[in-house]
Amino acid sequence: MIITVVGTGNMGSSFVKRFTLAGHQVRVTGRDLNKAQALAAQFSGAQAEPAAVAAQGAQVIVLATAYGNAVSALSALVK
């Protein structure tokens, strides 16, 4: 399954870890692409993507941001 995780903090990192361990292809994105790349590099099966392309073709999107950042994070996915 192709899963996109939006968020690179504690929750996002945990989702990326668990989904990759389960064998899923995981795309990770966030406000800071460098942070997303560092997170993805820790797990086989994960790759960092810019927000504008991270959701393309994803079967599941997990929003792992603070409540106050949710709208801007979701908006970045559809630009």
PDB file of N, CA and C in Angstrom:
ATOM      1  N   MET A   1       0.843  -1.164   0.000  1.00  0.00           N
ATOM      2  CA  MET A   1       0.000   0.000   0.000  1.00  0.00           C
ATOM      3  C   MET A   1       0.897   1.238   0.000  1.00  0.00           C
ATOM      4  N   ILE A   2       0.460   2.280  -0.683  1.00  0.00           N
ATOM      5  CA  ILE A   2       1.185   3.549  -0.694  1.00  0.00           C
ATOM      6  C   ILE A   2       0.527   4.478   0.314  1.00  0.00           C
ATOM      7  N   ILE A   3       1.306   4.881   1.312  1.00  0.00           N
ATOM      8  CA  ILE A   3       0.799   5.725   2.395  1.00  0.00           C
ATOM      9  C   ILE A   3       1.610   7.012   2.438  1.00  0.00           C
ATOM     10  N   THR A   4       0.935   8.142   2.520  1.00  0.00           N
ATOM     11  CA  THR A   4       1.590   9.430   2.702  1.00  0.00           C
ATOM     12  C   THR A   4       1.385   9.877   4.138  1.00  0.00           C
ATOM     13  N   VAL A   5       2.472  10.231   4.796  1.00  0.00           N
ATOM     14  CA  VAL A   5       2.416  10.772   6.149  1.00  0.00           C
ATOM     15  C   VAL A   5       2.784  12.242   6.059  1.00  0.00           C
ATOM     16  N   VAL A   6       1.892  13.091   6.532  1.00  0.00           N
ATOM     17  CA  VAL A   6       2.127  14.533   6.544  1.00  0.00           C
ATOM     18  C   VAL A   6       2.480  14.913   7.972  1.00  0.00           C
ATOM     19  N   GLY A   7       3.736  15.243   8.183  1.00  0.00           N
ATOM     20  CA  GLY A   7       4.214  15.598   9.516  1.00  0.00           C
ATOM     21  C   GLY A   7       5.465  14.811   9.845  1.00  0.00           C
ATOM     22  N   THR A   8       6.445  15.495  10.407  1.00  0.00           N
ATOM     23  CA  THR A   8       7.735  14.860  10.687  1.00  0.00           C
ATOM     24  C   THR A   8       8.102  14.895  12.167  1.00  0.00           C
ATOM     25  N   GLY A   9       7.146  15.216  12.999  1.00  0.00           N
ATOM     26  CA  GLY A   9       7.400  15.246  14.442  1.00  0.00           C
ATOM     27  C   GLY A   9       7.286  13.861  15.055  1.00  0.00           C
ATOM     28  N   ASN A  10       7.012  13.817  16.340  1.00  0.00           N
ATOM     29  CA  ASN A  10       6.928  12.541  17.053  1.00  0.00           C
ATOM     30  C   ASN A  10       5.883  11.598  16.468  1.00  0.00           C
ATOM     31  N   MET A  11       4.691  12.111  16.207  1.00  0.00           N
ATOM     32  CA  MET A  11       3.628  11.250  15.669  1.00  0.00           C
ATOM     33  C   MET A  11       3.939  10.817  14.245  1.00  0.00           C
ATOM     34  N   GLY A  12       4.363  11.763  13.409  1.00  0.00           N
ATOM     35  CA  GLY A  12       4.698  11.422  12.035  1.00  0.00           C
ATOM     36  C   GLY A  12       5.800  10.384  11.969  1.00  0.00           C
ATOM     37  N   SER A  13       6.824  10.563  12.793  1.00  0.00           N
ATOM     38  CA  SER A  13       7.944   9.612  12.832  1.00  0.00           C
ATOM     39  C   SER A  13       7.468   8.223  13.229  1.00  0.00           C
ATOM     40  N   SER A  14       6.585   8.157  14.201  1.00  0.00           N
ATOM     41  CA  SER A  14       6.057   6.859  14.645  1.00  0.00           C
ATOM     42  C   SER A  14       5.241   6.179  13.556  1.00  0.00           C
ATOM     43  N   PHE A  15       4.415   6.953  12.859  1.00  0.00           N
ATOM     44  CA  PHE A  15       3.650   6.381  11.750  1.00  0.00           C
ATOM     45  C   PHE A  15       4.574   5.845  10.663  1.00  0.00           C
ATOM     46  N   VAL A  16       5.588   6.637  10.294  1.00  0.00           N
ATOM     47  CA  VAL A  16       6.524   6.199   9.252  1.00  0.00           C
ATOM     48  C   VAL A  16       7.198   4.900   9.674  1.00  0.00           C
ATOM     49  N   LYS A  17       7.654   4.843  10.898  1.00  0.00           N
ATOM     50  CA  LYS A  17       8.325   3.644  11.394  1.00  0.00           C
ATOM     51  C   LYS A  17       7.413   2.428  11.316  1.00  0.00           C
ATOM     52  N   ARG A  18       6.220   2.544  11.838  1.00  0.00           N
ATOM     53  CA  ARG A  18       5.303   1.393  11.900  1.00  0.00           C
ATOM     54  C   ARG A  18       4.855   0.957  10.518  1.00  0.00           C
ATOM     55  N   PHE A  19       4.544   1.914   9.649  1.00  0.00           N
ATOM     56  CA  PHE A  19       4.081   1.550   8.310  1.00  0.00           C
ATOM     57  C   PHE A  19       5.186   0.889   7.496  1.00  0.00           C
ATOM     58  N   THR A  20       6.419   1.383   7.609  1.00  0.00           N
ATOM     59  CA  THR A  20       7.516   0.757   6.858  1.00  0.00           C
ATOM     60  C   THR A  20       7.819  -0.633   7.406  1.00  0.00           C
ATOM     61  N   LEU A  21       7.761  -0.795   8.722  1.00  0.00           N
ATOM     62  CA  LEU A  21       7.983  -2.121   9.312  1.00  0.00           C
ATOM     63  C   LEU A  21       6.927  -3.123   8.855  1.00  0.00           C
ATOM     64  N   ALA A  22       5.730  -2.616   8.559  1.00  0.00           N
ATOM     65  CA  ALA A  22       4.648  -3.480   8.074  1.00  0.00           C
ATOM     66  C   ALA A  22       4.768  -3.751   6.572  1.00  0.00           C
ATOM     67  N   GLY A  23       5.777  -3.155   5.925  1.00  0.00           N
ATOM     68  CA  GLY A  23       6.021  -3.428   4.523  1.00  0.00           C
ATOM     69  C   GLY A  23       5.381  -2.476   3.536  1.00  0.00           C
ATOM     70  N   HIS A  24       4.836  -1.379   4.015  1.00  0.00           N
ATOM     71  CA  HIS A  24       4.192  -0.421   3.124  1.00  0.00           C
ATOM     72  C   HIS A  24       5.210   0.542   2.520  1.00  0.00           C
ATOM     73  N   GLN A  25       4.868   1.086   1.371  1.00  0.00           N
ATOM     74  CA  GLN A  25       5.662   2.145   0.749  1.00  0.00           C
ATOM     75  C   GLN A  25       5.161   3.453   1.359  1.00  0.00           C
ATOM     76  N   VAL A  26       6.053   4.200   1.999  1.00  0.00           N
ATOM     77  CA  VAL A  26       5.645   5.394   2.736  1.00  0.00           C
ATOM     78  C   VAL A  26       6.303   6.630   2.151  1.00  0.00           C
ATOM     79  N   ARG A  27       5.481   7.621   1.895  1.00  0.00           N
ATOM     80  CA  ARG A  27       5.974   8.939   1.500  1.00  0.00           C
ATOM     81  C   ARG A  27       5.792   9.844   2.700  1.00  0.00           C
ATOM     82  N   VAL A  28       6.796  10.643   2.968  1.00  0.00           N
ATOM     83  CA  VAL A  28       6.709  11.550   4.105  1.00  0.00           C
ATOM     84  C   VAL A  28       6.969  12.972   3.627  1.00  0.00           C
ATOM     85  N   THR A  29       6.192  13.895   4.150  1.00  0.00           N
ATOM     86  CA  THR A  29       6.348  15.296   3.803  1.00  0.00           C
ATOM     87  C   THR A  29       6.046  16.159   5.021  1.00  0.00           C
ATOM     88  N   GLY A  30       6.491  17.383   4.956  1.00  0.00           N
ATOM     89  CA  GLY A  30       6.248  18.327   6.043  1.00  0.00           C
ATOM     90  C   GLY A  30       6.674  19.715   5.612  1.00  0.00           C
ATOM     91  N   ARG A  31       6.586  20.644   6.539  1.00  0.00           N
ATOM     92  CA  ARG A  31       6.980  22.024   6.229  1.00  0.00           C
ATOM     93  C   ARG A  31       8.434  22.119   5.807  1.00  0.00           C
ATOM     94  N   ASP A  32       9.281  21.293   6.410  1.00  0.00           N
ATOM     95  CA  ASP A  32      10.718  21.318   6.150  1.00  0.00           C
ATOM     96  C   ASP A  32      11.102  20.039   5.410  1.00  0.00           C
ATOM     97  N   LEU A  33      11.357  20.151   4.107  1.00  0.00           N
ATOM     98  CA  LEU A  33      11.676  18.973   3.314  1.00  0.00           C
ATOM     99  C   LEU A  33      12.962  18.308   3.795  1.00  0.00           C
ATOM    100  N   ASN A  34      13.910  19.082   4.298  1.00  0.00           N
ATOM    101  CA  ASN A  34      15.147  18.496   4.825  1.00  0.00           C
ATOM    102  C   ASN A  34      14.862  17.574   6.003  1.00  0.00           C
ATOM    103  N   LYS A  35      13.935  17.973   6.856  1.00  0.00           N
ATOM    104  CA  LYS A  35      13.557  17.140   7.999  1.00  0.00           C
ATOM    105  C   LYS A  35      12.843  15.874   7.515  1.00  0.00           C
ATOM    106  N   ALA A  36      12.018  16.011   6.490  1.00  0.00           N
ATOM    107  CA  ALA A  36      11.337  14.847   5.922  1.00  0.00           C
ATOM    108  C   ALA A  36      12.354  13.886   5.310  1.00  0.00           C
ATOM    109  N   GLN A  37      13.375  14.416   4.653  1.00  0.00           N
ATOM    110  CA  GLN A  37      14.413  13.572   4.062  1.00  0.00           C
ATOM    111  C   GLN A  37      15.200  12.842   5.145  1.00  0.00           C
ATOM    112  N   ALA A  38      15.513  13.533   6.222  1.00  0.00           N
ATOM    113  CA  ALA A  38      16.241  12.890   7.323  1.00  0.00           C
ATOM    114  C   ALA A  38      15.409  11.772   7.942  1.00  0.00           C
ATOM    115  N   LEU A  39      14.116  11.998   8.094  1.00  0.00           N
ATOM    116  CA  LEU A  39      13.229  10.974   8.645  1.00  0.00           C
ATOM    117  C   LEU A  39      13.152   9.780   7.702  1.00  0.00           C
ATOM    118  N   ALA A  40      12.936  10.035   6.425  1.00  0.00           N
ATOM    119  CA  ALA A  40      12.805   8.948   5.455  1.00  0.00           C
ATOM    120  C   ALA A  40      14.081   8.116   5.366  1.00  0.00           C
ATOM    121  N   ALA A  41      15.224   8.752   5.533  1.00  0.00           N
ATOM    122  CA  ALA A  41      16.500   8.041   5.439  1.00  0.00           C
ATOM    123  C   ALA A  41      16.672   7.000   6.547  1.00  0.00           C
ATOM    124  N   GLN A  42      15.905   7.122   7.618  1.00  0.00           N
ATOM    125  CA  GLN A  42      16.014   6.199   8.741  1.00  0.00           C
ATOM    126  C   GLN A  42      15.303   4.873   8.497  1.00  0.00           C
ATOM    127  N   PHE A  43      14.410   4.835   7.502  1.00  0.00           N
ATOM    128  CA  PHE A  43      13.566   3.661   7.330  1.00  0.00           C
ATOM    129  C   PHE A  43      13.533   3.191   5.882  1.00  0.00           C
ATOM    130  N   SER A  44      13.869   1.933   5.670  1.00  0.00           N
ATOM    131  CA  SER A  44      13.776   1.345   4.340  1.00  0.00           C
ATOM    132  C   SER A  44      12.302   1.318   3.939  1.00  0.00           C
ATOM    133  N   GLY A  45      12.009   1.771   2.756  1.00  0.00           N
ATOM    134  CA  GLY A  45      10.619   1.808   2.294  1.00  0.00           C
ATOM    135  C   GLY A  45       9.988   3.182   2.425  1.00  0.00           C
ATOM    136  N   ALA A  46      10.744   4.135   2.969  1.00  0.00           N
ATOM    137  CA  ALA A  46      10.223   5.504   3.106  1.00  0.00           C
ATOM    138  C   ALA A  46      10.984   6.425   2.174  1.00  0.00           C
ATOM    139  N   GLN A  47      10.278   7.409   1.652  1.00  0.00           N
ATOM    140  CA  GLN A  47      10.916   8.419   0.829  1.00  0.00           C
ATOM    141  C   GLN A  47      10.276   9.769   1.121  1.00  0.00           C
ATOM    142  N   ALA A  48      11.075  10.806   1.079  1.00  0.00           N
ATOM    143  CA  ALA A  48      10.576  12.164   1.288  1.00  0.00           C
ATOM    144  C   ALA A  48      10.111  12.734  -0.036  1.00  0.00           C
ATOM    145  N   GLU A  49       9.033  13.476   0.015  1.00  0.00           N
ATOM    146  CA  GLU A  49       8.486  14.118  -1.182  1.00  0.00           C
ATOM    147  C   GLU A  49       8.044  15.533  -0.823  1.00  0.00           C
ATOM    148  N   PRO A  50       8.148  16.449  -1.775  1.00  0.00           N
ATOM    149  CA  PRO A  50       7.565  17.779  -1.547  1.00  0.00           C
ATOM    150  C   PRO A  50       6.053  17.635  -1.365  1.00  0.00           C
ATOM    151  N   ALA A  51       5.459  18.506  -0.596  1.00  0.00           N
ATOM    152  CA  ALA A  51       4.027  18.403  -0.301  1.00  0.00           C
ATOM    153  C   ALA A  51       3.178  18.378  -1.565  1.00  0.00           C
ATOM    154  N   ALA A  52       3.579  19.126  -2.582  1.00  0.00           N
ATOM    155  CA  ALA A  52       2.773  19.225  -3.801  1.00  0.00           C
ATOM    156  C   ALA A  52       2.625  17.901  -4.547  1.00  0.00           C
ATOM    157  N   VAL A  53       3.525  16.948  -4.320  1.00  0.00           N
ATOM    158  CA  VAL A  53       3.437  15.664  -5.026  1.00  0.00           C
ATOM    159  C   VAL A  53       3.261  14.470  -4.083  1.00  0.00           C
ATOM    160  N   ALA A  54       3.365  14.682  -2.796  1.00  0.00           N
ATOM    161  CA  ALA A  54       3.345  13.579  -1.829  1.00  0.00           C
ATOM    162  C   ALA A  54       2.054  12.778  -1.845  1.00  0.00           C
ATOM    163  N   ALA A  55       0.938  13.423  -2.112  1.00  0.00           N
ATOM    164  CA  ALA A  55      -0.347  12.733  -2.046  1.00  0.00           C
ATOM    165  C   ALA A  55      -0.740  12.054  -3.349  1.00  0.00           C
ATOM    166  N   GLN A  56      -0.049  12.349  -4.437  1.00  0.00           N
ATOM    167  CA  GLN A  56      -0.409  11.778  -5.736  1.00  0.00           C
ATOM    168  C   GLN A  56      -0.262  10.263  -5.714  1.00  0.00           C
ATOM    169  N   GLY A  57      -1.339   9.582  -5.978  1.00  0.00           N
ATOM    170  CA  GLY A  57      -1.324   8.127  -6.036  1.00  0.00           C
ATOM    171  C   GLY A  57      -1.364   7.429  -4.686  1.00  0.00           C
ATOM    172  N   ALA A  58      -1.398   8.189  -3.606  1.00  0.00           N
ATOM    173  CA  ALA A  58      -1.450   7.576  -2.276  1.00  0.00           C
ATOM    174  C   ALA A  58      -2.808   6.929  -2.049  1.00  0.00           C
ATOM    175  N   GLN A  59      -2.784   5.789  -1.402  1.00  0.00           N
ATOM    176  CA  GLN A  59      -4.029   5.110  -1.067  1.00  0.00           C
ATOM    177  C   GLN A  59      -4.543   5.546   0.298  1.00  0.00           C
ATOM    178  N   VAL A  60      -3.629   6.017   1.138  1.00  0.00           N
ATOM    179  CA  VAL A  60      -3.981   6.499   2.469  1.00  0.00           C
ATOM    180  C   VAL A  60      -3.135   7.738   2.745  1.00  0.00           C
ATOM    181  N   ILE A  61      -3.739   8.752   3.359  1.00  0.00           N
ATOM    182  CA  ILE A  61      -3.005   9.935   3.802  1.00  0.00           C
ATOM    183  C   ILE A  61      -3.223  10.086   5.291  1.00  0.00           C
ATOM    184  N   VAL A  62      -2.120  10.156   6.038  1.00  0.00           N
ATOM    185  CA  VAL A  62      -2.186  10.313   7.486  1.00  0.00           C
ATOM    186  C   VAL A  62      -1.724  11.729   7.815  1.00  0.00           C
ATOM    187  N   LEU A  63      -2.575  12.478   8.466  1.00  0.00           N
ATOM    188  CA  LEU A  63      -2.245  13.834   8.881  1.00  0.00           C
ATOM    189  C   LEU A  63      -1.730  13.778  10.314  1.00  0.00           C
ATOM    190  N   ALA A  64      -0.440  14.057  10.481  1.00  0.00           N
ATOM    191  CA  ALA A  64       0.198  13.968  11.805  1.00  0.00           C
ATOM    192  C   ALA A  64       0.822  15.319  12.145  1.00  0.00           C
ATOM    193  N   THR A  65      -0.019  16.338  12.177  1.00  0.00           N
ATOM    194  CA  THR A  65       0.430  17.690  12.496  1.00  0.00           C
ATOM    195  C   THR A  65      -0.306  18.190  13.723  1.00  0.00           C
ATOM    196  N   ALA A  66       0.173  19.288  14.257  1.00  0.00           N
ATOM    197  CA  ALA A  66      -0.564  19.948  15.330  1.00  0.00           C
ATOM    198  C   ALA A  66      -1.880  20.481  14.759  1.00  0.00           C
ATOM    199  N   TYR A  67      -2.879  20.571  15.578  1.00  0.00           N
ATOM    200  CA  TYR A  67      -4.203  21.013  15.141  1.00  0.00           C
ATOM    201  C   TYR A  67      -4.131  22.341  14.396  1.00  0.00           C
ATOM    202  N   GLY A  68      -3.355  23.271  14.900  1.00  0.00           N
ATOM    203  CA  GLY A  68      -3.257  24.598  14.298  1.00  0.00           C
ATOM    204  C   GLY A  68      -2.589  24.608  12.936  1.00  0.00           C
ATOM    205  N   ASN A  69      -1.889  23.547  12.591  1.00  0.00           N
ATOM    206  CA  ASN A  69      -1.206  23.467  11.293  1.00  0.00           C
ATOM    207  C   ASN A  69      -1.948  22.608  10.284  1.00  0.00           C
ATOM    208  N   ALA A  70      -3.052  22.015  10.677  1.00  0.00           N
ATOM    209  CA  ALA A  70      -3.748  21.059   9.807  1.00  0.00           C
ATOM    210  C   ALA A  70      -4.223  21.660   8.498  1.00  0.00           C
ATOM    211  N   VAL A  71      -4.852  22.809   8.533  1.00  0.00           N
ATOM    212  CA  VAL A  71      -5.388  23.406   7.321  1.00  0.00           C
ATOM    213  C   VAL A  71      -4.281  23.744   6.330  1.00  0.00           C
ATOM    214  N   SER A  72      -3.216  24.364   6.799  1.00  0.00           N
ATOM    215  CA  SER A  72      -2.134  24.714   5.877  1.00  0.00           C
ATOM    216  C   SER A  72      -1.435  23.468   5.338  1.00  0.00           C
ATOM    217  N   ALA A  73      -1.301  22.427   6.160  1.00  0.00           N
ATOM    218  CA  ALA A  73      -0.673  21.184   5.701  1.00  0.00           C
ATOM    219  C   ALA A  73      -1.519  20.518   4.616  1.00  0.00           C
ATOM    220  N   LEU A  74      -2.811  20.457   4.818  1.00  0.00           N
ATOM    221  CA  LEU A  74      -3.687  19.846   3.801  1.00  0.00           C
ATOM    222  C   LEU A  74      -3.757  20.693   2.539  1.00  0.00           C
ATOM    223  N   SER A  75      -3.756  22.003   2.692  1.00  0.00           N
ATOM    224  CA  SER A  75      -3.766  22.891   1.528  1.00  0.00           C
ATOM    225  C   SER A  75      -2.524  22.709   0.674  1.00  0.00           C
ATOM    226  N   ALA A  76      -1.398  22.469   1.297  1.00  0.00           N
ATOM    227  CA  ALA A  76      -0.141  22.283   0.564  1.00  0.00           C
ATOM    228  C   ALA A  76      -0.175  21.022  -0.303  1.00  0.00           C
ATOM    229  N   LEU A  77      -0.984  20.055   0.071  1.00  0.00           N
ATOM    230  CA  LEU A  77      -1.076  18.812  -0.698  1.00  0.00           C
ATOM    231  C   LEU A  77      -1.795  18.978  -2.028  1.00  0.00           C
ATOM    232  N   VAL A  78      -2.632  19.973  -2.141  1.00  0.00           N
ATOM    233  CA  VAL A  78      -3.464  20.112  -3.341  1.00  0.00           C
ATOM    234  C   VAL A  78      -3.043  21.283  -4.236  1.00  0.00           C
ATOM    235  N   LYS A  79      -1.912  21.868  -3.958  1.00  0.00           N
ATOM    236  CA  LYS A  79      -1.446  22.988  -4.801  1.00  0.00           C
ATOM    237  C   LYS A  79      -0.795  22.478  -6.045  1.00  0.00           C
TER     238      LYS A  79
END
